[in-house]
Amino acid sequence: MITNDIAALALLTGEHGVSTPRLSAADAALARHSVRSYRDVAVTEEEIHTLLELTGRAPSAFNLQPWRFVVVRDQNTKDQLRAAAYGQKQVGDAPVVVAMYADMEDTMAHLDEVVHPDLPADKKAGTIAMLKNTFGPMTPEARGVWANAQSNIALGYLLLIAKSEGFDTSPMLGFQADQVKEILGIPATATITALVALGRGADDGFRSHRHSVERIATFR
């Protein structure tokens, strides 16, 4: 049986002397909710690297992995992003803001890095040709929509993994995309999936309700 009794879990003490619970996937799913107030405690580059490495394990069609990240810790840059995000305070207050975007044009330009390196040369060439035939006729906009759908899978991974590692998050879709791209140097053809405030919460936030299985599922 799944339990939400996370208080009994062992605490891990990080580099900054902050004790945070490491949760199982099930407990993280139960415990996670958006948090908009954060403590002034840094998230180290090593911690961020771990989060993104695990997030990168997310599945994607053809294993194209079109997601990209800009990790923002500079306060001036966060303040600029806050203005582009309609003043949402967590953008300026969280120690880290991750701008996640899908870049299918970069993916298509580097298919040799995407296709499994252990494939025989002829099969690798055939796979690259298939991908070019599949996505080449699409408009950049259509490729962007497709890639963003894949990146949303990775977004879910990031939110769950962050909680499992003891961090709180607040994903945001309310922002002016063109401004965010300009501030962060994101390619104009990319599609921004979300801004994610990340850190250690200063409070418990507002725990939202969830539908029951009976409300969202049918069995045949």
C-alpha atoms as a PDB file:
ATOM      1  CA  MET A   1       0.000   0.000   0.000  1.00  0.00           C
ATOM      2  CA  ILE A   2       1.244   3.504  -0.851  1.00  0.00           C
ATOM      3  CA  THR A   3       1.721   5.688   2.202  1.00  0.00           C
ATOM      4  CA  ASN A   4       2.303   9.414   2.587  1.00  0.00           C
ATOM      5  CA  ASP A   5       4.091   9.030   5.914  1.00  0.00           C
ATOM      6  CA  ILE A   6       7.279  10.701   4.715  1.00  0.00           C
ATOM      7  CA  ALA A   7       8.184  12.032   8.150  1.00  0.00           C
ATOM      8  CA  ALA A   8       9.549   8.626   9.083  1.00  0.00           C
ATOM      9  CA  LEU A   9      11.955   8.557   6.164  1.00  0.00           C
ATOM     10  CA  ALA A  10      15.683   9.010   6.828  1.00  0.00           C
ATOM     11  CA  LEU A  11      17.031  12.531   6.365  1.00  0.00           C
ATOM     12  CA  LEU A  12      20.107  13.311   4.315  1.00  0.00           C
ATOM     13  CA  THR A  13      22.311  16.269   5.178  1.00  0.00           C
ATOM     14  CA  GLY A  14      23.618  18.150   2.155  1.00  0.00           C
ATOM     15  CA  GLU A  15      26.638  20.367   1.618  1.00  0.00           C
ATOM     16  CA  HIS A  16      24.930  23.346   3.235  1.00  0.00           C
ATOM     17  CA  GLY A  17      23.868  21.429   6.328  1.00  0.00           C
ATOM     18  CA  VAL A  18      20.257  21.290   5.174  1.00  0.00           C
ATOM     19  CA  SER A  19      18.453  18.073   5.974  1.00  0.00           C
ATOM     20  CA  THR A  20      16.142  16.950   3.202  1.00  0.00           C
ATOM     21  CA  PRO A  21      14.233  13.689   2.819  1.00  0.00           C
ATOM     22  CA  ARG A  22      15.057  11.429  -0.095  1.00  0.00           C
ATOM     23  CA  LEU A  23      11.792   9.920  -1.213  1.00  0.00           C
ATOM     24  CA  SER A  24      10.748   6.942  -3.262  1.00  0.00           C
ATOM     25  CA  ALA A  25       8.973   7.702  -6.532  1.00  0.00           C
ATOM     26  CA  ALA A  26       5.624   6.862  -4.948  1.00  0.00           C
ATOM     27  CA  ASP A  27       6.196   9.037  -1.886  1.00  0.00           C
ATOM     28  CA  ALA A  28       7.494  11.891  -4.044  1.00  0.00           C
ATOM     29  CA  ALA A  29       4.364  11.725  -6.192  1.00  0.00           C
ATOM     30  CA  LEU A  30       2.192  11.935  -3.080  1.00  0.00           C
ATOM     31  CA  ALA A  31       4.216  14.678  -1.404  1.00  0.00           C
ATOM     32  CA  ARG A  32       4.871  16.952  -4.386  1.00  0.00           C
ATOM     33  CA  HIS A  33       2.919  20.171  -4.881  1.00  0.00           C
ATOM     34  CA  SER A  34       3.822  23.610  -6.159  1.00  0.00           C
ATOM     35  CA  VAL A  35       5.695  25.831  -3.701  1.00  0.00           C
ATOM     36  CA  ARG A  36       6.049  29.558  -4.311  1.00  0.00           C
ATOM     37  CA  SER A  37       8.140  30.645  -1.299  1.00  0.00           C
ATOM     38  CA  TYR A  38      11.736  29.481  -0.941  1.00  0.00           C
ATOM     39  CA  ARG A  39      14.444  29.558   1.686  1.00  0.00           C
ATOM     40  CA  ASP A  40      17.641  31.422   0.914  1.00  0.00           C
ATOM     41  CA  VAL A  41      19.656  28.225   0.563  1.00  0.00           C
ATOM     42  CA  ALA A  42      21.773  27.639  -2.521  1.00  0.00           C
ATOM     43  CA  VAL A  43      21.344  24.629  -4.780  1.00  0.00           C
ATOM     44  CA  THR A  44      24.790  23.428  -5.769  1.00  0.00           C
ATOM     45  CA  GLU A  45      25.930  22.790  -9.312  1.00  0.00           C
ATOM     46  CA  GLU A  46      26.445  19.142  -8.396  1.00  0.00           C
ATOM     47  CA  GLU A  47      22.852  18.857  -7.165  1.00  0.00           C
ATOM     48  CA  ILE A  48      21.536  20.479 -10.332  1.00  0.00           C
ATOM     49  CA  HIS A  49      23.686  18.194 -12.463  1.00  0.00           C
ATOM     50  CA  THR A  50      22.215  15.157 -10.703  1.00  0.00           C
ATOM     51  CA  LEU A  51      18.651  16.389 -11.235  1.00  0.00           C
ATOM     52  CA  LEU A  52      19.191  17.028 -14.936  1.00  0.00           C
ATOM     53  CA  GLU A  53      21.055  13.771 -15.485  1.00  0.00           C
ATOM     54  CA  LEU A  54      18.136  11.839 -14.003  1.00  0.00           C
ATOM     55  CA  THR A  55      15.612  13.968 -15.882  1.00  0.00           C
ATOM     56  CA  GLY A  56      17.425  13.074 -19.083  1.00  0.00           C
ATOM     57  CA  ARG A  57      16.429   9.447 -18.527  1.00  0.00           C
ATOM     58  CA  ALA A  58      12.889  10.344 -19.592  1.00  0.00           C
ATOM     59  CA  PRO A  59      11.586   8.464 -22.638  1.00  0.00           C
ATOM     60  CA  SER A  60      10.932  10.143 -25.974  1.00  0.00           C
ATOM     61  CA  ALA A  61       9.715   8.940 -29.350  1.00  0.00           C
ATOM     62  CA  PHE A  62      12.643   7.697 -31.446  1.00  0.00           C
ATOM     63  CA  ASN A  63      14.743   8.591 -28.375  1.00  0.00           C
ATOM     64  CA  LEU A  64      15.223  12.046 -29.915  1.00  0.00           C
ATOM     65  CA  GLN A  65      15.487  13.787 -26.517  1.00  0.00           C
ATOM     66  CA  PRO A  66      14.640  17.270 -27.867  1.00  0.00           C
ATOM     67  CA  TRP A  67      14.578  18.898 -24.431  1.00  0.00           C
ATOM     68  CA  ARG A  68      17.114  21.535 -23.461  1.00  0.00           C
ATOM     69  CA  PHE A  69      17.675  23.485 -20.222  1.00  0.00           C
ATOM     70  CA  VAL A  70      18.981  26.871 -19.168  1.00  0.00           C
ATOM     71  CA  VAL A  71      19.816  26.885 -15.444  1.00  0.00           C
ATOM     72  CA  VAL A  72      19.532  30.387 -13.994  1.00  0.00           C
ATOM     73  CA  ARG A  73      21.086  31.291 -10.637  1.00  0.00           C
ATOM     74  CA  ASP A  74      22.161  34.873 -11.338  1.00  0.00           C
ATOM     75  CA  GLN A  75      19.827  37.224  -9.463  1.00  0.00           C
ATOM     76  CA  ASN A  76      19.798  39.925 -12.147  1.00  0.00           C
ATOM     77  CA  THR A  77      18.779  37.385 -14.769  1.00  0.00           C
ATOM     78  CA  LYS A  78      16.094  35.966 -12.487  1.00  0.00           C
ATOM     79  CA  ASP A  79      14.719  39.465 -11.961  1.00  0.00           C
ATOM     80  CA  GLN A  80      14.507  39.929 -15.725  1.00  0.00           C
ATOM     81  CA  LEU A  81      12.714  36.597 -16.045  1.00  0.00           C
ATOM     82  CA  ARG A  82      10.323  37.603 -13.289  1.00  0.00           C
ATOM     83  CA  ALA A  83       9.291  40.643 -15.306  1.00  0.00           C
ATOM     84  CA  ALA A  84       8.788  38.420 -18.365  1.00  0.00           C
ATOM     85  CA  ALA A  85       6.712  36.043 -16.208  1.00  0.00           C
ATOM     86  CA  TYR A  86       4.176  38.700 -15.215  1.00  0.00           C
ATOM     87  CA  GLY A  87       5.830  39.350 -11.867  1.00  0.00           C
ATOM     88  CA  GLN A  88       5.488  35.859 -10.403  1.00  0.00           C
ATOM     89  CA  LYS A  89       7.501  36.210  -7.214  1.00  0.00           C
ATOM     90  CA  GLN A  90       8.900  32.685  -7.153  1.00  0.00           C
ATOM     91  CA  VAL A  91      10.919  33.452 -10.291  1.00  0.00           C
ATOM     92  CA  GLY A  92      12.926  36.048  -8.408  1.00  0.00           C
ATOM     93  CA  ASP A  93      12.891  34.363  -5.000  1.00  0.00           C
ATOM     94  CA  ALA A  94      13.844  30.754  -5.794  1.00  0.00           C
ATOM     95  CA  PRO A  95      17.584  30.017  -5.764  1.00  0.00           C
ATOM     96  CA  VAL A  96      17.283  28.376  -9.183  1.00  0.00           C
ATOM     97  CA  VAL A  97      15.015  28.851 -12.160  1.00  0.00           C
ATOM     98  CA  VAL A  98      15.204  26.241 -14.897  1.00  0.00           C
ATOM     99  CA  ALA A  99      14.020  27.311 -18.327  1.00  0.00           C
ATOM    100  CA  MET A 100      13.106  24.148 -20.174  1.00  0.00           C
ATOM    101  CA  TYR A 101      12.627  24.259 -23.914  1.00  0.00           C
ATOM    102  CA  ALA A 102      12.290  21.968 -26.918  1.00  0.00           C
ATOM    103  CA  ASP A 103      14.693  22.488 -29.804  1.00  0.00           C
ATOM    104  CA  MET A 104      13.808  20.207 -32.678  1.00  0.00           C
ATOM    105  CA  GLU A 105      15.945  22.181 -35.118  1.00  0.00           C
ATOM    106  CA  ASP A 106      19.050  21.448 -33.056  1.00  0.00           C
ATOM    107  CA  THR A 107      17.948  17.828 -32.806  1.00  0.00           C
ATOM    108  CA  MET A 108      17.565  17.502 -36.572  1.00  0.00           C
ATOM    109  CA  ALA A 109      20.948  19.129 -37.141  1.00  0.00           C
ATOM    110  CA  HIS A 110      22.667  16.545 -34.934  1.00  0.00           C
ATOM    111  CA  LEU A 111      20.908  13.280 -35.729  1.00  0.00           C
ATOM    112  CA  ASP A 112      24.253  11.492 -35.729  1.00  0.00           C
ATOM    113  CA  GLU A 113      24.404  12.194 -31.963  1.00  0.00           C
ATOM    114  CA  VAL A 114      20.829  11.014 -31.419  1.00  0.00           C
ATOM    115  CA  VAL A 115      20.913   7.628 -33.123  1.00  0.00           C
ATOM    116  CA  HIS A 116      22.332   4.868 -30.939  1.00  0.00           C
ATOM    117  CA  PRO A 117      26.119   4.768 -31.364  1.00  0.00           C
ATOM    118  CA  ASP A 118      26.228   0.965 -31.201  1.00  0.00           C
ATOM    119  CA  LEU A 119      24.144   0.483 -34.346  1.00  0.00           C
ATOM    120  CA  PRO A 120      25.987  -0.886 -37.366  1.00  0.00           C
ATOM    121  CA  ALA A 121      26.856   1.866 -39.838  1.00  0.00           C
ATOM    122  CA  ASP A 122      24.239   0.824 -42.394  1.00  0.00           C
ATOM    123  CA  LYS A 123      21.435   0.684 -39.819  1.00  0.00           C
ATOM    124  CA  LYS A 124      22.498   4.007 -38.353  1.00  0.00           C
ATOM    125  CA  ALA A 125      22.416   5.607 -41.788  1.00  0.00           C
ATOM    126  CA  GLY A 126      19.002   4.070 -42.438  1.00  0.00           C
ATOM    127  CA  THR A 127      17.637   5.395 -39.152  1.00  0.00           C
ATOM    128  CA  ILE A 128      18.915   8.894 -39.872  1.00  0.00           C
ATOM    129  CA  ALA A 129      17.313   8.780 -43.323  1.00  0.00           C
ATOM    130  CA  MET A 130      14.015   7.643 -41.793  1.00  0.00           C
ATOM    131  CA  LEU A 131      14.043  10.499 -39.288  1.00  0.00           C
ATOM    132  CA  LYS A 132      14.792  13.039 -41.999  1.00  0.00           C
ATOM    133  CA  ASN A 133      11.947  11.655 -44.108  1.00  0.00           C
ATOM    134  CA  THR A 134       9.590  11.755 -41.125  1.00  0.00           C
ATOM    135  CA  PHE A 135      10.317  15.230 -39.804  1.00  0.00           C
ATOM    136  CA  GLY A 136      11.849  16.987 -42.793  1.00  0.00           C
ATOM    137  CA  PRO A 137       8.529  17.675 -44.566  1.00  0.00           C
ATOM    138  CA  MET A 138       7.053  19.239 -41.409  1.00  0.00           C
ATOM    139  CA  THR A 139       7.071  22.974 -40.870  1.00  0.00           C
ATOM    140  CA  PRO A 140       9.344  24.220 -38.069  1.00  0.00           C
ATOM    141  CA  GLU A 141       6.188  25.072 -36.115  1.00  0.00           C
ATOM    142  CA  ALA A 142       4.848  21.525 -36.423  1.00  0.00           C
ATOM    143  CA  ARG A 143       8.193  20.080 -35.387  1.00  0.00           C
ATOM    144  CA  GLY A 144       8.173  22.427 -32.409  1.00  0.00           C
ATOM    145  CA  VAL A 145       4.738  21.244 -31.292  1.00  0.00           C
ATOM    146  CA  TRP A 146       5.840  17.618 -31.581  1.00  0.00           C
ATOM    147  CA  ALA A 147       9.069  18.242 -29.680  1.00  0.00           C
ATOM    148  CA  ASN A 148       7.289  20.148 -26.933  1.00  0.00           C
ATOM    149  CA  ALA A 149       5.005  17.166 -26.332  1.00  0.00           C
ATOM    150  CA  GLN A 150       8.112  15.034 -25.792  1.00  0.00           C
ATOM    151  CA  SER A 151       9.673  17.642 -23.509  1.00  0.00           C
ATOM    152  CA  ASN A 152       6.597  17.633 -21.304  1.00  0.00           C
ATOM    153  CA  ILE A 153       7.424  14.026 -20.446  1.00  0.00           C
ATOM    154  CA  ALA A 154      10.834  15.181 -19.220  1.00  0.00           C
ATOM    155  CA  LEU A 155       9.185  18.046 -17.330  1.00  0.00           C
ATOM    156  CA  GLY A 156       7.211  15.514 -15.314  1.00  0.00           C
ATOM    157  CA  TYR A 157      10.426  13.649 -14.590  1.00  0.00           C
ATOM    158  CA  LEU A 158      12.141  16.836 -13.410  1.00  0.00           C
ATOM    159  CA  LEU A 159       9.344  17.729 -10.996  1.00  0.00           C
ATOM    160  CA  LEU A 160       9.141  14.240  -9.516  1.00  0.00           C
ATOM    161  CA  ILE A 161      12.906  13.713  -9.286  1.00  0.00           C
ATOM    162  CA  ALA A 162      13.382  17.123  -7.676  1.00  0.00           C
ATOM    163  CA  LYS A 163      10.924  16.184  -4.942  1.00  0.00           C
ATOM    164  CA  SER A 164      12.510  12.771  -4.484  1.00  0.00           C
ATOM    165  CA  GLU A 165      15.859  14.529  -3.917  1.00  0.00           C
ATOM    166  CA  GLY A 166      14.384  16.915  -1.332  1.00  0.00           C
ATOM    167  CA  PHE A 167      13.631  19.975  -3.477  1.00  0.00           C
ATOM    168  CA  ASP A 168      10.419  21.863  -4.082  1.00  0.00           C
ATOM    169  CA  THR A 169       9.325  23.246  -7.431  1.00  0.00           C
ATOM    170  CA  SER A 170       6.818  25.504  -9.114  1.00  0.00           C
ATOM    171  CA  PRO A 171       6.329  24.940 -12.857  1.00  0.00           C
ATOM    172  CA  MET A 172       5.037  27.962 -14.765  1.00  0.00           C
ATOM    173  CA  LEU A 173       3.521  28.419 -18.203  1.00  0.00           C
ATOM    174  CA  GLY A 174       2.625  32.080 -17.703  1.00  0.00           C
ATOM    175  CA  PHE A 175       5.381  34.094 -19.369  1.00  0.00           C
ATOM    176  CA  GLN A 176       6.145  36.031 -22.519  1.00  0.00           C
ATOM    177  CA  ALA A 177       8.078  33.479 -24.519  1.00  0.00           C
ATOM    178  CA  ASP A 178       9.812  35.938 -26.837  1.00  0.00           C
ATOM    179  CA  GLN A 179      11.152  37.890 -23.877  1.00  0.00           C
ATOM    180  CA  VAL A 180      12.388  34.742 -22.151  1.00  0.00           C
ATOM    181  CA  LYS A 181      14.173  33.677 -25.329  1.00  0.00           C
ATOM    182  CA  GLU A 182      15.832  37.063 -25.650  1.00  0.00           C
ATOM    183  CA  ILE A 183      16.938  37.160 -22.009  1.00  0.00           C
ATOM    184  CA  LEU A 184      18.423  33.665 -22.084  1.00  0.00           C
ATOM    185  CA  GLY A 185      19.643  33.471 -25.669  1.00  0.00           C
ATOM    186  CA  ILE A 186      17.286  30.629 -26.547  1.00  0.00           C
ATOM    187  CA  PRO A 187      16.890  30.077 -30.314  1.00  0.00           C
ATOM    188  CA  ALA A 188      13.874  31.782 -31.853  1.00  0.00           C
ATOM    189  CA  THR A 189      12.730  28.477 -33.379  1.00  0.00           C
ATOM    190  CA  ALA A 190      12.654  26.718 -29.996  1.00  0.00           C
ATOM    191  CA  THR A 191       9.488  26.165 -27.976  1.00  0.00           C
ATOM    192  CA  ILE A 192       9.656  26.961 -24.271  1.00  0.00           C
ATOM    193  CA  THR A 193       8.085  24.127 -22.318  1.00  0.00           C
ATOM    194  CA  ALA A 194       8.083  25.749 -18.868  1.00  0.00           C
ATOM    195  CA  LEU A 195       9.903  27.856 -16.342  1.00  0.00           C
ATOM    196  CA  VAL A 196      10.524  25.899 -13.149  1.00  0.00           C
ATOM    197  CA  ALA A 197      11.366  27.577  -9.837  1.00  0.00           C
ATOM    198  CA  LEU A 198      13.430  25.167  -7.740  1.00  0.00           C
ATOM    199  CA  GLY A 199      14.815  25.155  -4.222  1.00  0.00           C
ATOM    200  CA  ARG A 200      13.921  24.297  -0.647  1.00  0.00           C
ATOM    201  CA  GLY A 201      10.494  25.551   0.287  1.00  0.00           C
ATOM    202  CA  ALA A 202      10.005  28.146   3.008  1.00  0.00           C
ATOM    203  CA  ASP A 203       6.523  26.823   3.731  1.00  0.00           C
ATOM    204  CA  ASP A 204       4.291  23.912   2.810  1.00  0.00           C
ATOM    205  CA  GLY A 205       2.504  25.826   0.075  1.00  0.00           C
ATOM    206  CA  PHE A 206      -1.087  25.085  -0.849  1.00  0.00           C
ATOM    207  CA  ARG A 207      -1.875  21.420  -1.169  1.00  0.00           C
ATOM    208  CA  SER A 208      -4.185  20.991  -4.117  1.00  0.00           C
ATOM    209  CA  HIS A 209      -6.660  18.148  -4.459  1.00  0.00           C
ATOM    210  CA  ARG A 210      -6.490  15.387  -7.050  1.00  0.00           C
ATOM    211  CA  HIS A 211      -9.239  13.427  -8.781  1.00  0.00           C
ATOM    212  CA  SER A 212      -9.856   9.838  -7.761  1.00  0.00           C
ATOM    213  CA  VAL A 213      -9.002   6.997 -10.101  1.00  0.00           C
ATOM    214  CA  GLU A 214     -12.735   6.438 -10.558  1.00  0.00           C
ATOM    215  CA  ARG A 215     -13.082   9.983 -11.919  1.00  0.00           C
ATOM    216  CA  ILE A 216     -10.289   9.780 -14.487  1.00  0.00           C
ATOM    217  CA  ALA A 217     -10.149   6.134 -15.581  1.00  0.00           C
ATOM    218  CA  THR A 218     -12.362   3.491 -17.127  1.00  0.00           C
ATOM    219  CA  PHE A 219     -11.615  -0.211 -17.322  1.00  0.00           C
ATOM    220  CA  ARG A 220     -12.664  -2.394 -20.252  1.00  0.00           C
END
